[in-house]
Every structure is written in structure tokens, then in C-alpha cells.
Amino acid sequence: MKIITVHGSGLGTSILLQLTAQTALQRLHVDATVEALARVSVHGFLPDADLLLVSPELAGGLARAASIVRPVHDPLDLAEVARQISIGLGQRSPSTRSPLVPV
């Protein structure tokens, strides 16, 4: 599974969200890769993404281009990021779900 993080405040904040997502995935026992991207480069990576974690102001625009987009208000809030990942995993169609693999 591949997760992309994009935050409207810039690449640095996308990286903070990436690090929080990696910690959340460990706690959820989900095996996934997480990549942080700048807003301007995200469209080229959308076909490979299973889930996008984005700042709320980007969610609407990216929702039309990606299958699962979850907004994150605070990139350092581990509980919020874990909740959005869990919701995103639940939104995946059964045919595209990969089994959850313990870390």
C-alpha cells in the first residue's frame, strides 16, 4: 500500500505529516510506504497512490483526481492521522484492498 502526504504549507509540513503517518501505521500494524510531496508535483504520483493524506484546503481539488483523499488538520496530531488512515483504509473497495500485514 502506498500513502502520499501533501500539505498546503509546503514540503516541510508534508514531511512532518509523513513522519506522523509512519508512526500511526506502526501503531495500527499496517505495512505501507509513505511519501511526502510538494503540492505542485502530486498529480504525477496519483496513479500509484492508495491513499492521500492532505491539508483540508487541498482535499476538494485532489478528491476529483484521486480515489481516496483524507484531510488532516494538524500534521503532528498522531490520533487524527491514525483516524484518517483508518477511515481511508475502510473506504478502499474490496477488490483493491491488500491484506493488512503486521509490522
PDB file of N, CA and C in Angstrom:
ATOM      1  N   MET A   1       0.845  -1.173   0.000  1.00  0.00           N
ATOM      2  CA  MET A   1       0.000   0.000   0.000  1.00  0.00           C
ATOM      3  C   MET A   1       0.886   1.230   0.000  1.00  0.00           C
ATOM      4  N   LYS A   2       0.470   2.245  -0.745  1.00  0.00           N
ATOM      5  CA  LYS A   2       1.246   3.479  -0.823  1.00  0.00           C
ATOM      6  C   LYS A   2       0.376   4.661  -0.398  1.00  0.00           C
ATOM      7  N   ILE A   3       0.917   5.448   0.509  1.00  0.00           N
ATOM      8  CA  ILE A   3       0.259   6.659   1.004  1.00  0.00           C
ATOM      9  C   ILE A   3       1.112   7.858   0.615  1.00  0.00           C
ATOM     10  N   ILE A   4       0.461   8.888   0.108  1.00  0.00           N
ATOM     11  CA  ILE A   4       1.158  10.131  -0.214  1.00  0.00           C
ATOM     12  C   ILE A   4       0.641  11.216   0.721  1.00  0.00           C
ATOM     13  N   THR A   5       1.579  12.003   1.257  1.00  0.00           N
ATOM     14  CA  THR A   5       1.207  13.137   2.103  1.00  0.00           C
ATOM     15  C   THR A   5       1.527  14.428   1.360  1.00  0.00           C
ATOM     16  N   VAL A   6       0.554  15.356   1.400  1.00  0.00           N
ATOM     17  CA  VAL A   6       0.725  16.660   0.758  1.00  0.00           C
ATOM     18  C   VAL A   6       0.081  17.699   1.660  1.00  0.00           C
ATOM     19  N   HIS A   7       0.823  18.719   2.005  1.00  0.00           N
ATOM     20  CA  HIS A   7       0.275  19.774   2.855  1.00  0.00           C
ATOM     21  C   HIS A   7       0.437  21.107   2.159  1.00  0.00           C
ATOM     22  N   GLY A   8      -0.577  21.938   2.241  1.00  0.00           N
ATOM     23  CA  GLY A   8      -0.581  23.235   1.575  1.00  0.00           C
ATOM     24  C   GLY A   8       0.464  24.207   2.081  1.00  0.00           C
ATOM     25  N   SER A   9       1.020  23.945   3.259  1.00  0.00           N
ATOM     26  CA  SER A   9       2.028  24.852   3.814  1.00  0.00           C
ATOM     27  C   SER A   9       3.417  24.599   3.268  1.00  0.00           C
ATOM     28  N   GLY A  10       3.577  23.572   2.444  1.00  0.00           N
ATOM     29  CA  GLY A  10       4.877  23.327   1.824  1.00  0.00           C
ATOM     30  C   GLY A  10       5.405  21.932   2.080  1.00  0.00           C
ATOM     31  N   LEU A  11       6.532  21.637   1.457  1.00  0.00           N
ATOM     32  CA  LEU A  11       7.132  20.310   1.544  1.00  0.00           C
ATOM     33  C   LEU A  11       7.530  19.956   2.974  1.00  0.00           C
ATOM     34  N   GLY A  12       8.017  20.918   3.727  1.00  0.00           N
ATOM     35  CA  GLY A  12       8.419  20.645   5.111  1.00  0.00           C
ATOM     36  C   GLY A  12       7.269  20.105   5.940  1.00  0.00           C
ATOM     37  N   THR A  13       6.097  20.687   5.781  1.00  0.00           N
ATOM     38  CA  THR A  13       4.920  20.225   6.516  1.00  0.00           C
ATOM     39  C   THR A  13       4.450  18.879   5.970  1.00  0.00           C
ATOM     40  N   SER A  14       4.619  18.655   4.666  1.00  0.00           N
ATOM     41  CA  SER A  14       4.296  17.340   4.091  1.00  0.00           C
ATOM     42  C   SER A  14       5.186  16.265   4.706  1.00  0.00           C
ATOM     43  N   ILE A  15       6.441  16.606   4.966  1.00  0.00           N
ATOM     44  CA  ILE A  15       7.370  15.658   5.591  1.00  0.00           C
ATOM     45  C   ILE A  15       6.969  15.395   7.037  1.00  0.00           C
ATOM     46  N   LEU A  16       6.545  16.430   7.760  1.00  0.00           N
ATOM     47  CA  LEU A  16       6.067  16.225   9.131  1.00  0.00           C
ATOM     48  C   LEU A  16       4.866  15.278   9.139  1.00  0.00           C
ATOM     49  N   LEU A  17       3.953  15.475   8.189  1.00  0.00           N
ATOM     50  CA  LEU A  17       2.791  14.596   8.072  1.00  0.00           C
ATOM     51  C   LEU A  17       3.220  13.177   7.713  1.00  0.00           C
ATOM     52  N   GLN A  18       4.223  13.038   6.869  1.00  0.00           N
ATOM     53  CA  GLN A  18       4.761  11.724   6.515  1.00  0.00           C
ATOM     54  C   GLN A  18       5.274  10.994   7.755  1.00  0.00           C
ATOM     55  N   LEU A  19       6.046  11.686   8.570  1.00  0.00           N
ATOM     56  CA  LEU A  19       6.612  11.075   9.773  1.00  0.00           C
ATOM     57  C   LEU A  19       5.519  10.661  10.752  1.00  0.00           C
ATOM     58  N   THR A  20       4.504  11.505  10.895  1.00  0.00           N
ATOM     59  CA  THR A  20       3.382  11.170  11.775  1.00  0.00           C
ATOM     60  C   THR A  20       2.621   9.971  11.227  1.00  0.00           C
ATOM     61  N   ALA A  21       2.423   9.930   9.913  1.00  0.00           N
ATOM     62  CA  ALA A  21       1.722   8.810   9.287  1.00  0.00           C
ATOM     63  C   ALA A  21       2.495   7.506   9.481  1.00  0.00           C
ATOM     64  N   GLN A  22       3.812   7.548   9.379  1.00  0.00           N
ATOM     65  CA  GLN A  22       4.619   6.346   9.571  1.00  0.00           C
ATOM     66  C   GLN A  22       4.461   5.811  10.993  1.00  0.00           C
ATOM     67  N   THR A  23       4.435   6.709  11.964  1.00  0.00           N
ATOM     68  CA  THR A  23       4.226   6.292  13.351  1.00  0.00           C
ATOM     69  C   THR A  23       2.828   5.711  13.527  1.00  0.00           C
ATOM     70  N   ALA A  24       1.826   6.363  12.931  1.00  0.00           N
ATOM     71  CA  ALA A  24       0.445   5.875  13.023  1.00  0.00           C
ATOM     72  C   ALA A  24       0.322   4.485  12.401  1.00  0.00           C
ATOM     73  N   LEU A  25       0.954   4.273  11.274  1.00  0.00           N
ATOM     74  CA  LEU A  25       0.895   2.972  10.613  1.00  0.00           C
ATOM     75  C   LEU A  25       1.505   1.874  11.485  1.00  0.00           C
ATOM     76  N   GLN A  26       2.599   2.191  12.157  1.00  0.00           N
ATOM     77  CA  GLN A  26       3.207   1.217  13.073  1.00  0.00           C
ATOM     78  C   GLN A  26       2.233   0.857  14.184  1.00  0.00           C
ATOM     79  N   ARG A  27       1.577   1.853  14.742  1.00  0.00           N
ATOM     80  CA  ARG A  27       0.623   1.603  15.831  1.00  0.00           C
ATOM     81  C   ARG A  27      -0.613   0.857  15.351  1.00  0.00           C
ATOM     82  N   LEU A  28      -0.985   1.062  14.088  1.00  0.00           N
ATOM     83  CA  LEU A  28      -2.133   0.357  13.510  1.00  0.00           C
ATOM     84  C   LEU A  28      -1.754  -1.023  12.968  1.00  0.00           C
ATOM     85  N   HIS A  29      -0.460  -1.333  12.986  1.00  0.00           N
ATOM     86  CA  HIS A  29       0.065  -2.597  12.462  1.00  0.00           C
ATOM     87  C   HIS A  29      -0.273  -2.760  10.977  1.00  0.00           C
ATOM     88  N   VAL A  30      -0.032  -1.686  10.225  1.00  0.00           N
ATOM     89  CA  VAL A  30      -0.281  -1.690   8.787  1.00  0.00           C
ATOM     90  C   VAL A  30       1.042  -1.475   8.065  1.00  0.00           C
ATOM     91  N   ASP A  31       1.315  -2.317   7.088  1.00  0.00           N
ATOM     92  CA  ASP A  31       2.532  -2.202   6.296  1.00  0.00           C
ATOM     93  C   ASP A  31       2.238  -1.331   5.076  1.00  0.00           C
ATOM     94  N   ALA A  32       2.868  -0.188   4.990  1.00  0.00           N
ATOM     95  CA  ALA A  32       2.664   0.728   3.866  1.00  0.00           C
ATOM     96  C   ALA A  32       3.887   1.612   3.718  1.00  0.00           C
ATOM     97  N   THR A  33       4.074   2.132   2.517  1.00  0.00           N
ATOM     98  CA  THR A  33       5.101   3.140   2.301  1.00  0.00           C
ATOM     99  C   THR A  33       4.416   4.502   2.282  1.00  0.00           C
ATOM    100  N   VAL A  34       5.134   5.497   2.779  1.00  0.00           N
ATOM    101  CA  VAL A  34       4.596   6.852   2.835  1.00  0.00           C
ATOM    102  C   VAL A  34       5.593   7.784   2.168  1.00  0.00           C
ATOM    103  N   GLU A  35       5.104   8.591   1.254  1.00  0.00           N
ATOM    104  CA  GLU A  35       5.950   9.533   0.531  1.00  0.00           C
ATOM    105  C   GLU A  35       5.386  10.941   0.677  1.00  0.00           C
ATOM    106  N   ALA A  36       6.254  11.879   1.029  1.00  0.00           N
ATOM    107  CA  ALA A  36       5.857  13.290   1.141  1.00  0.00           C
ATOM    108  C   ALA A  36       6.159  13.993  -0.174  1.00  0.00           C
ATOM    109  N   LEU A  37       5.184  14.781  -0.635  1.00  0.00           N
ATOM    110  CA  LEU A  37       5.352  15.507  -1.891  1.00  0.00           C
ATOM    111  C   LEU A  37       4.943  16.958  -1.736  1.00  0.00           C
ATOM    112  N   ALA A  38       5.503  17.791  -2.588  1.00  0.00           N
ATOM    113  CA  ALA A  38       5.058  19.180  -2.683  1.00  0.00           C
ATOM    114  C   ALA A  38       3.772  19.214  -3.499  1.00  0.00           C
ATOM    115  N   ARG A  39       2.952  20.198  -3.247  1.00  0.00           N
ATOM    116  CA  ARG A  39       1.658  20.324  -3.926  1.00  0.00           C
ATOM    117  C   ARG A  39       1.807  20.320  -5.448  1.00  0.00           C
ATOM    118  N   VAL A  40       2.844  20.968  -5.960  1.00  0.00           N
ATOM    119  CA  VAL A  40       2.999  21.098  -7.413  1.00  0.00           C
ATOM    120  C   VAL A  40       3.347  19.778  -8.101  1.00  0.00           C
ATOM    121  N   SER A  41       3.865  18.800  -7.370  1.00  0.00           N
ATOM    122  CA  SER A  41       4.292  17.550  -8.003  1.00  0.00           C
ATOM    123  C   SER A  41       3.355  16.381  -7.736  1.00  0.00           C
ATOM    124  N   VAL A  42       2.310  16.569  -6.979  1.00  0.00           N
ATOM    125  CA  VAL A  42       1.478  15.445  -6.558  1.00  0.00           C
ATOM    126  C   VAL A  42       0.727  14.777  -7.713  1.00  0.00           C
ATOM    127  N   HIS A  43       0.290  15.520  -8.702  1.00  0.00           N
ATOM    128  CA  HIS A  43      -0.544  14.935  -9.761  1.00  0.00           C
ATOM    129  C   HIS A  43       0.157  13.819 -10.528  1.00  0.00           C
ATOM    130  N   GLY A  44       1.459  13.894 -10.677  1.00  0.00           N
ATOM    131  CA  GLY A  44       2.190  12.841 -11.366  1.00  0.00           C
ATOM    132  C   GLY A  44       2.265  11.536 -10.593  1.00  0.00           C
ATOM    133  N   PHE A  45       1.984  11.589  -9.295  1.00  0.00           N
ATOM    134  CA  PHE A  45       2.096  10.403  -8.450  1.00  0.00           C
ATOM    135  C   PHE A  45       0.737   9.802  -8.079  1.00  0.00           C
ATOM    136  N   LEU A  46      -0.354  10.445  -8.473  1.00  0.00           N
ATOM    137  CA  LEU A  46      -1.688   9.988  -8.086  1.00  0.00           C
ATOM    138  C   LEU A  46      -2.016   8.565  -8.530  1.00  0.00           C
ATOM    139  N   PRO A  47      -1.629   8.145  -9.721  1.00  0.00           N
ATOM    140  CA  PRO A  47      -1.992   6.778 -10.127  1.00  0.00           C
ATOM    141  C   PRO A  47      -1.407   5.693  -9.226  1.00  0.00           C
ATOM    142  N   ASP A  48      -0.294   5.969  -8.569  1.00  0.00           N
ATOM    143  CA  ASP A  48       0.357   4.975  -7.719  1.00  0.00           C
ATOM    144  C   ASP A  48      -0.135   4.991  -6.278  1.00  0.00           C
ATOM    145  N   ALA A  49      -0.916   5.987  -5.905  1.00  0.00           N
ATOM    146  CA  ALA A  49      -1.311   6.154  -4.504  1.00  0.00           C
ATOM    147  C   ALA A  49      -2.586   5.385  -4.173  1.00  0.00           C
ATOM    148  N   ASP A  50      -2.571   4.734  -3.023  1.00  0.00           N
ATOM    149  CA  ASP A  50      -3.776   4.087  -2.496  1.00  0.00           C
ATOM    150  C   ASP A  50      -4.554   5.056  -1.610  1.00  0.00           C
ATOM    151  N   LEU A  51      -3.836   6.004  -0.998  1.00  0.00           N
ATOM    152  CA  LEU A  51      -4.447   6.944  -0.062  1.00  0.00           C
ATOM    153  C   LEU A  51      -3.640   8.233  -0.058  1.00  0.00           C
ATOM    154  N   LEU A  52      -4.336   9.354  -0.068  1.00  0.00           N
ATOM    155  CA  LEU A  52      -3.691  10.663   0.072  1.00  0.00           C
ATOM    156  C   LEU A  52      -4.101  11.264   1.399  1.00  0.00           C
ATOM    157  N   LEU A  53      -3.125  11.691   2.181  1.00  0.00           N
ATOM    158  CA  LEU A  53      -3.367  12.459   3.403  1.00  0.00           C
ATOM    159  C   LEU A  53      -2.968  13.880   3.073  1.00  0.00           C
ATOM    160  N   VAL A  54      -3.927  14.815   3.153  1.00  0.00           N
ATOM    161  CA  VAL A  54      -3.680  16.172   2.677  1.00  0.00           C
ATOM    162  C   VAL A  54      -4.240  17.196   3.651  1.00  0.00           C
ATOM    163  N   SER A  55      -3.766  18.423   3.533  1.00  0.00           N
ATOM    164  CA  SER A  55      -4.345  19.504   4.321  1.00  0.00           C
ATOM    165  C   SER A  55      -5.749  19.781   3.782  1.00  0.00           C
ATOM    166  N   PRO A  56      -6.651  20.246   4.645  1.00  0.00           N
ATOM    167  CA  PRO A  56      -8.055  20.410   4.247  1.00  0.00           C
ATOM    168  C   PRO A  56      -8.272  21.277   3.005  1.00  0.00           C
ATOM    169  N   GLU A  57      -7.467  22.321   2.813  1.00  0.00           N
ATOM    170  CA  GLU A  57      -7.673  23.199   1.660  1.00  0.00           C
ATOM    171  C   GLU A  57      -7.343  22.519   0.330  1.00  0.00           C
ATOM    172  N   LEU A  58      -6.598  21.418   0.368  1.00  0.00           N
ATOM    173  CA  LEU A  58      -6.256  20.681  -0.850  1.00  0.00           C
ATOM    174  C   LEU A  58      -7.207  19.520  -1.116  1.00  0.00           C
ATOM    175  N   ALA A  59      -7.954  19.118  -0.114  1.00  0.00           N
ATOM    176  CA  ALA A  59      -8.775  17.906  -0.221  1.00  0.00           C
ATOM    177  C   ALA A  59      -9.780  17.982  -1.362  1.00  0.00           C
ATOM    178  N   GLY A  60     -10.477  19.089  -1.506  1.00  0.00           N
ATOM    179  CA  GLY A  60     -11.501  19.208  -2.539  1.00  0.00           C
ATOM    180  C   GLY A  60     -10.945  19.059  -3.938  1.00  0.00           C
ATOM    181  N   GLY A  61      -9.859  19.743  -4.227  1.00  0.00           N
ATOM    182  CA  GLY A  61      -9.261  19.681  -5.555  1.00  0.00           C
ATOM    183  C   GLY A  61      -8.677  18.323  -5.883  1.00  0.00           C
ATOM    184  N   LEU A  62      -8.091  17.672  -4.901  1.00  0.00           N
ATOM    185  CA  LEU A  62      -7.477  16.367  -5.157  1.00  0.00           C
ATOM    186  C   LEU A  62      -8.492  15.237  -5.143  1.00  0.00           C
ATOM    187  N   ALA A  63      -9.629  15.449  -4.507  1.00  0.00           N
ATOM    188  CA  ALA A  63     -10.654  14.403  -4.449  1.00  0.00           C
ATOM    189  C   ALA A  63     -11.178  14.059  -5.842  1.00  0.00           C
ATOM    190  N   ARG A  64     -11.120  15.008  -6.735  1.00  0.00           N
ATOM    191  CA  ARG A  64     -11.570  14.746  -8.108  1.00  0.00           C
ATOM    192  C   ARG A  64     -10.535  13.950  -8.901  1.00  0.00           C
ATOM    193  N   ALA A  65      -9.293  13.941  -8.441  1.00  0.00           N
ATOM    194  CA  ALA A  65      -8.222  13.296  -9.194  1.00  0.00           C
ATOM    195  C   ALA A  65      -7.736  11.992  -8.560  1.00  0.00           C
ATOM    196  N   ALA A  66      -8.059  11.759  -7.307  1.00  0.00           N
ATOM    197  CA  ALA A  66      -7.570  10.573  -6.604  1.00  0.00           C
ATOM    198  C   ALA A  66      -8.743   9.803  -6.014  1.00  0.00           C
ATOM    199  N   SER A  67      -8.542   8.532  -5.798  1.00  0.00           N
ATOM    200  CA  SER A  67      -9.637   7.708  -5.308  1.00  0.00           C
ATOM    201  C   SER A  67      -9.961   7.957  -3.841  1.00  0.00           C
ATOM    202  N   ILE A  68      -8.967   8.016  -2.987  1.00  0.00           N
ATOM    203  CA  ILE A  68      -9.228   8.206  -1.558  1.00  0.00           C
ATOM    204  C   ILE A  68      -8.352   9.340  -1.034  1.00  0.00           C
ATOM    205  N   VAL A  69      -9.006  10.397  -0.597  1.00  0.00           N
ATOM    206  CA  VAL A  69      -8.321  11.574  -0.057  1.00  0.00           C
ATOM    207  C   VAL A  69      -8.879  11.833   1.337  1.00  0.00           C
ATOM    208  N   ARG A  70      -8.007  11.932   2.318  1.00  0.00           N
ATOM    209  CA  ARG A  70      -8.430  12.192   3.692  1.00  0.00           C
ATOM    210  C   ARG A  70      -7.762  13.472   4.181  1.00  0.00           C
ATOM    211  N   PRO A  71      -8.554  14.418   4.702  1.00  0.00           N
ATOM    212  CA  PRO A  71      -7.991  15.670   5.194  1.00  0.00           C
ATOM    213  C   PRO A  71      -7.382  15.514   6.592  1.00  0.00           C
ATOM    214  N   VAL A  72      -6.263  16.189   6.804  1.00  0.00           N
ATOM    215  CA  VAL A  72      -5.604  16.211   8.114  1.00  0.00           C
ATOM    216  C   VAL A  72      -5.385  17.667   8.487  1.00  0.00           C
ATOM    217  N   HIS A  73      -5.996  18.097   9.581  1.00  0.00           N
ATOM    218  CA  HIS A  73      -5.869  19.483  10.022  1.00  0.00           C
ATOM    219  C   HIS A  73      -4.510  19.765  10.679  1.00  0.00           C
ATOM    220  N   ASP A  74      -4.064  18.834  11.520  1.00  0.00           N
ATOM    221  CA  ASP A  74      -2.812  19.033  12.253  1.00  0.00           C
ATOM    222  C   ASP A  74      -1.854  17.894  11.918  1.00  0.00           C
ATOM    223  N   PRO A  75      -0.798  18.167  11.148  1.00  0.00           N
ATOM    224  CA  PRO A  75       0.109  17.098  10.721  1.00  0.00           C
ATOM    225  C   PRO A  75       0.895  16.450  11.863  1.00  0.00           C
ATOM    226  N   LEU A  76       0.859  17.032  13.042  1.00  0.00           N
ATOM    227  CA  LEU A  76       1.564  16.448  14.181  1.00  0.00           C
ATOM    228  C   LEU A  76       0.633  15.710  15.137  1.00  0.00           C
ATOM    229  N   ASP A  77      -0.657  15.705  14.862  1.00  0.00           N
ATOM    230  CA  ASP A  77      -1.643  15.058  15.728  1.00  0.00           C
ATOM    231  C   ASP A  77      -1.741  13.581  15.357  1.00  0.00           C
ATOM    232  N   LEU A  78      -1.057  12.744  16.122  1.00  0.00           N
ATOM    233  CA  LEU A  78      -0.979  11.316  15.824  1.00  0.00           C
ATOM    234  C   LEU A  78      -2.364  10.666  15.814  1.00  0.00           C
ATOM    235  N   ALA A  79      -3.217  11.030  16.752  1.00  0.00           N
ATOM    236  CA  ALA A  79      -4.556  10.438  16.816  1.00  0.00           C
ATOM    237  C   ALA A  79      -5.371  10.798  15.574  1.00  0.00           C
ATOM    238  N   GLU A  80      -5.301  12.051  15.137  1.00  0.00           N
ATOM    239  CA  GLU A  80      -6.041  12.465  13.945  1.00  0.00           C
ATOM    240  C   GLU A  80      -5.527  11.740  12.699  1.00  0.00           C
ATOM    241  N   VAL A  81      -4.214  11.662  12.561  1.00  0.00           N
ATOM    242  CA  VAL A  81      -3.633  10.999  11.391  1.00  0.00           C
ATOM    243  C   VAL A  81      -4.003   9.519  11.384  1.00  0.00           C
ATOM    244  N   ALA A  82      -3.919   8.861  12.523  1.00  0.00           N
ATOM    245  CA  ALA A  82      -4.293   7.444  12.609  1.00  0.00           C
ATOM    246  C   ALA A  82      -5.770   7.254  12.261  1.00  0.00           C
ATOM    247  N   ARG A  83      -6.618   8.157  12.731  1.00  0.00           N
ATOM    248  CA  ARG A  83      -8.050   8.079  12.430  1.00  0.00           C
ATOM    249  C   ARG A  83      -8.304   8.228  10.928  1.00  0.00           C
ATOM    250  N   GLN A  84      -7.623   9.178  10.294  1.00  0.00           N
ATOM    251  CA  GLN A  84      -7.815   9.388   8.859  1.00  0.00           C
ATOM    252  C   GLN A  84      -7.280   8.213   8.036  1.00  0.00           C
ATOM    253  N   ILE A  85      -6.201   7.615   8.479  1.00  0.00           N
ATOM    254  CA  ILE A  85      -5.692   6.421   7.799  1.00  0.00           C
ATOM    255  C   ILE A  85      -6.706   5.293   7.927  1.00  0.00           C
ATOM    256  N   SER A  86      -7.234   5.090   9.121  1.00  0.00           N
ATOM    257  CA  SER A  86      -8.224   4.032   9.339  1.00  0.00           C
ATOM    258  C   SER A  86      -9.462   4.242   8.480  1.00  0.00           C
ATOM    259  N   ILE A  87      -9.939   5.476   8.409  1.00  0.00           N
ATOM    260  CA  ILE A  87     -11.097   5.784   7.575  1.00  0.00           C
ATOM    261  C   ILE A  87     -10.766   5.521   6.108  1.00  0.00           C
ATOM    262  N   GLY A  88      -9.596   5.956   5.684  1.00  0.00           N
ATOM    263  CA  GLY A  88      -9.174   5.744   4.307  1.00  0.00           C
ATOM    264  C   GLY A  88      -9.073   4.273   3.951  1.00  0.00           C
ATOM    265  N   LEU A  89      -8.554   3.470   4.869  1.00  0.00           N
ATOM    266  CA  LEU A  89      -8.474   2.027   4.623  1.00  0.00           C
ATOM    267  C   LEU A  89      -9.865   1.434   4.491  1.00  0.00           C
ATOM    268  N   GLY A  90     -10.799   1.928   5.271  1.00  0.00           N
ATOM    269  CA  GLY A  90     -12.168   1.439   5.205  1.00  0.00           C
ATOM    270  C   GLY A  90     -12.875   1.837   3.926  1.00  0.00           C
ATOM    271  N   GLN A  91     -12.414   2.882   3.254  1.00  0.00           N
ATOM    272  CA  GLN A  91     -13.033   3.350   2.019  1.00  0.00           C
ATOM    273  C   GLN A  91     -12.551   2.588   0.799  1.00  0.00           C
ATOM    274  N   ARG A  92     -11.500   1.844   0.920  1.00  0.00           N
ATOM    275  CA  ARG A  92     -10.969   1.111  -0.233  1.00  0.00           C
ATOM    276  C   ARG A  92     -11.942   0.012  -0.626  1.00  0.00           C
ATOM    277  N   SER A  93     -12.128  -0.182  -1.913  1.00  0.00           N
ATOM    278  CA  SER A  93     -13.041  -1.221  -2.381  1.00  0.00           C
ATOM    279  C   SER A  93     -12.428  -2.587  -2.106  1.00  0.00           C
ATOM    280  N   PRO A  94     -13.259  -3.593  -1.862  1.00  0.00           N
ATOM    281  CA  PRO A  94     -12.725  -4.927  -1.546  1.00  0.00           C
ATOM    282  C   PRO A  94     -11.767  -5.465  -2.603  1.00  0.00           C
ATOM    283  N   SER A  95     -11.969  -5.124  -3.865  1.00  0.00           N
ATOM    284  CA  SER A  95     -11.095  -5.652  -4.921  1.00  0.00           C
ATOM    285  C   SER A  95      -9.716  -5.007  -4.917  1.00  0.00           C
ATOM    286  N   THR A  96      -9.577  -3.823  -4.301  1.00  0.00           N
ATOM    287  CA  THR A  96      -8.275  -3.156  -4.280  1.00  0.00           C
ATOM    288  C   THR A  96      -7.596  -3.245  -2.928  1.00  0.00           C
ATOM    289  N   ARG A  97      -8.250  -3.819  -1.960  1.00  0.00           N
ATOM    290  CA  ARG A  97      -7.645  -3.914  -0.631  1.00  0.00           C
ATOM    291  C   ARG A  97      -6.564  -4.960  -0.619  1.00  0.00           C
ATOM    292  N   SER A  98      -5.428  -4.565  -0.078  1.00  0.00           N
ATOM    293  CA  SER A  98      -4.394  -5.563   0.158  1.00  0.00           C
ATOM    294  C   SER A  98      -4.538  -5.988   1.610  1.00  0.00           C
ATOM    295  N   PRO A  99      -4.164  -7.195   1.941  1.00  0.00           N
ATOM    296  CA  PRO A  99      -4.310  -7.614   3.326  1.00  0.00           C
ATOM    297  C   PRO A  99      -3.427  -6.767   4.236  1.00  0.00           C
ATOM    298  N   LEU A 100      -3.921  -6.518   5.425  1.00  0.00           N
ATOM    299  CA  LEU A 100      -3.130  -5.787   6.398  1.00  0.00           C
ATOM    300  C   LEU A 100      -2.052  -6.713   6.907  1.00  0.00           C
ATOM    301  N   VAL A 101      -0.833  -6.253   6.843  1.00  0.00           N
ATOM    302  CA  VAL A 101       0.303  -7.069   7.246  1.00  0.00           C
ATOM    303  C   VAL A 101       0.906  -6.448   8.496  1.00  0.00           C
ATOM    304  N   PRO A 102       0.998  -7.230   9.575  1.00  0.00           N
ATOM    305  CA  PRO A 102       1.612  -6.671  10.794  1.00  0.00           C
ATOM    306  C   PRO A 102       3.029  -6.220  10.531  1.00  0.00           C
ATOM    307  N   VAL A 103       3.409  -5.123  11.178  1.00  0.00           N
ATOM    308  CA  VAL A 103       4.756  -4.582  11.039  1.00  0.00           C
ATOM    309  C   VAL A 103       5.663  -5.254  12.027  1.00  0.00           C
TER     310      VAL A 103
END
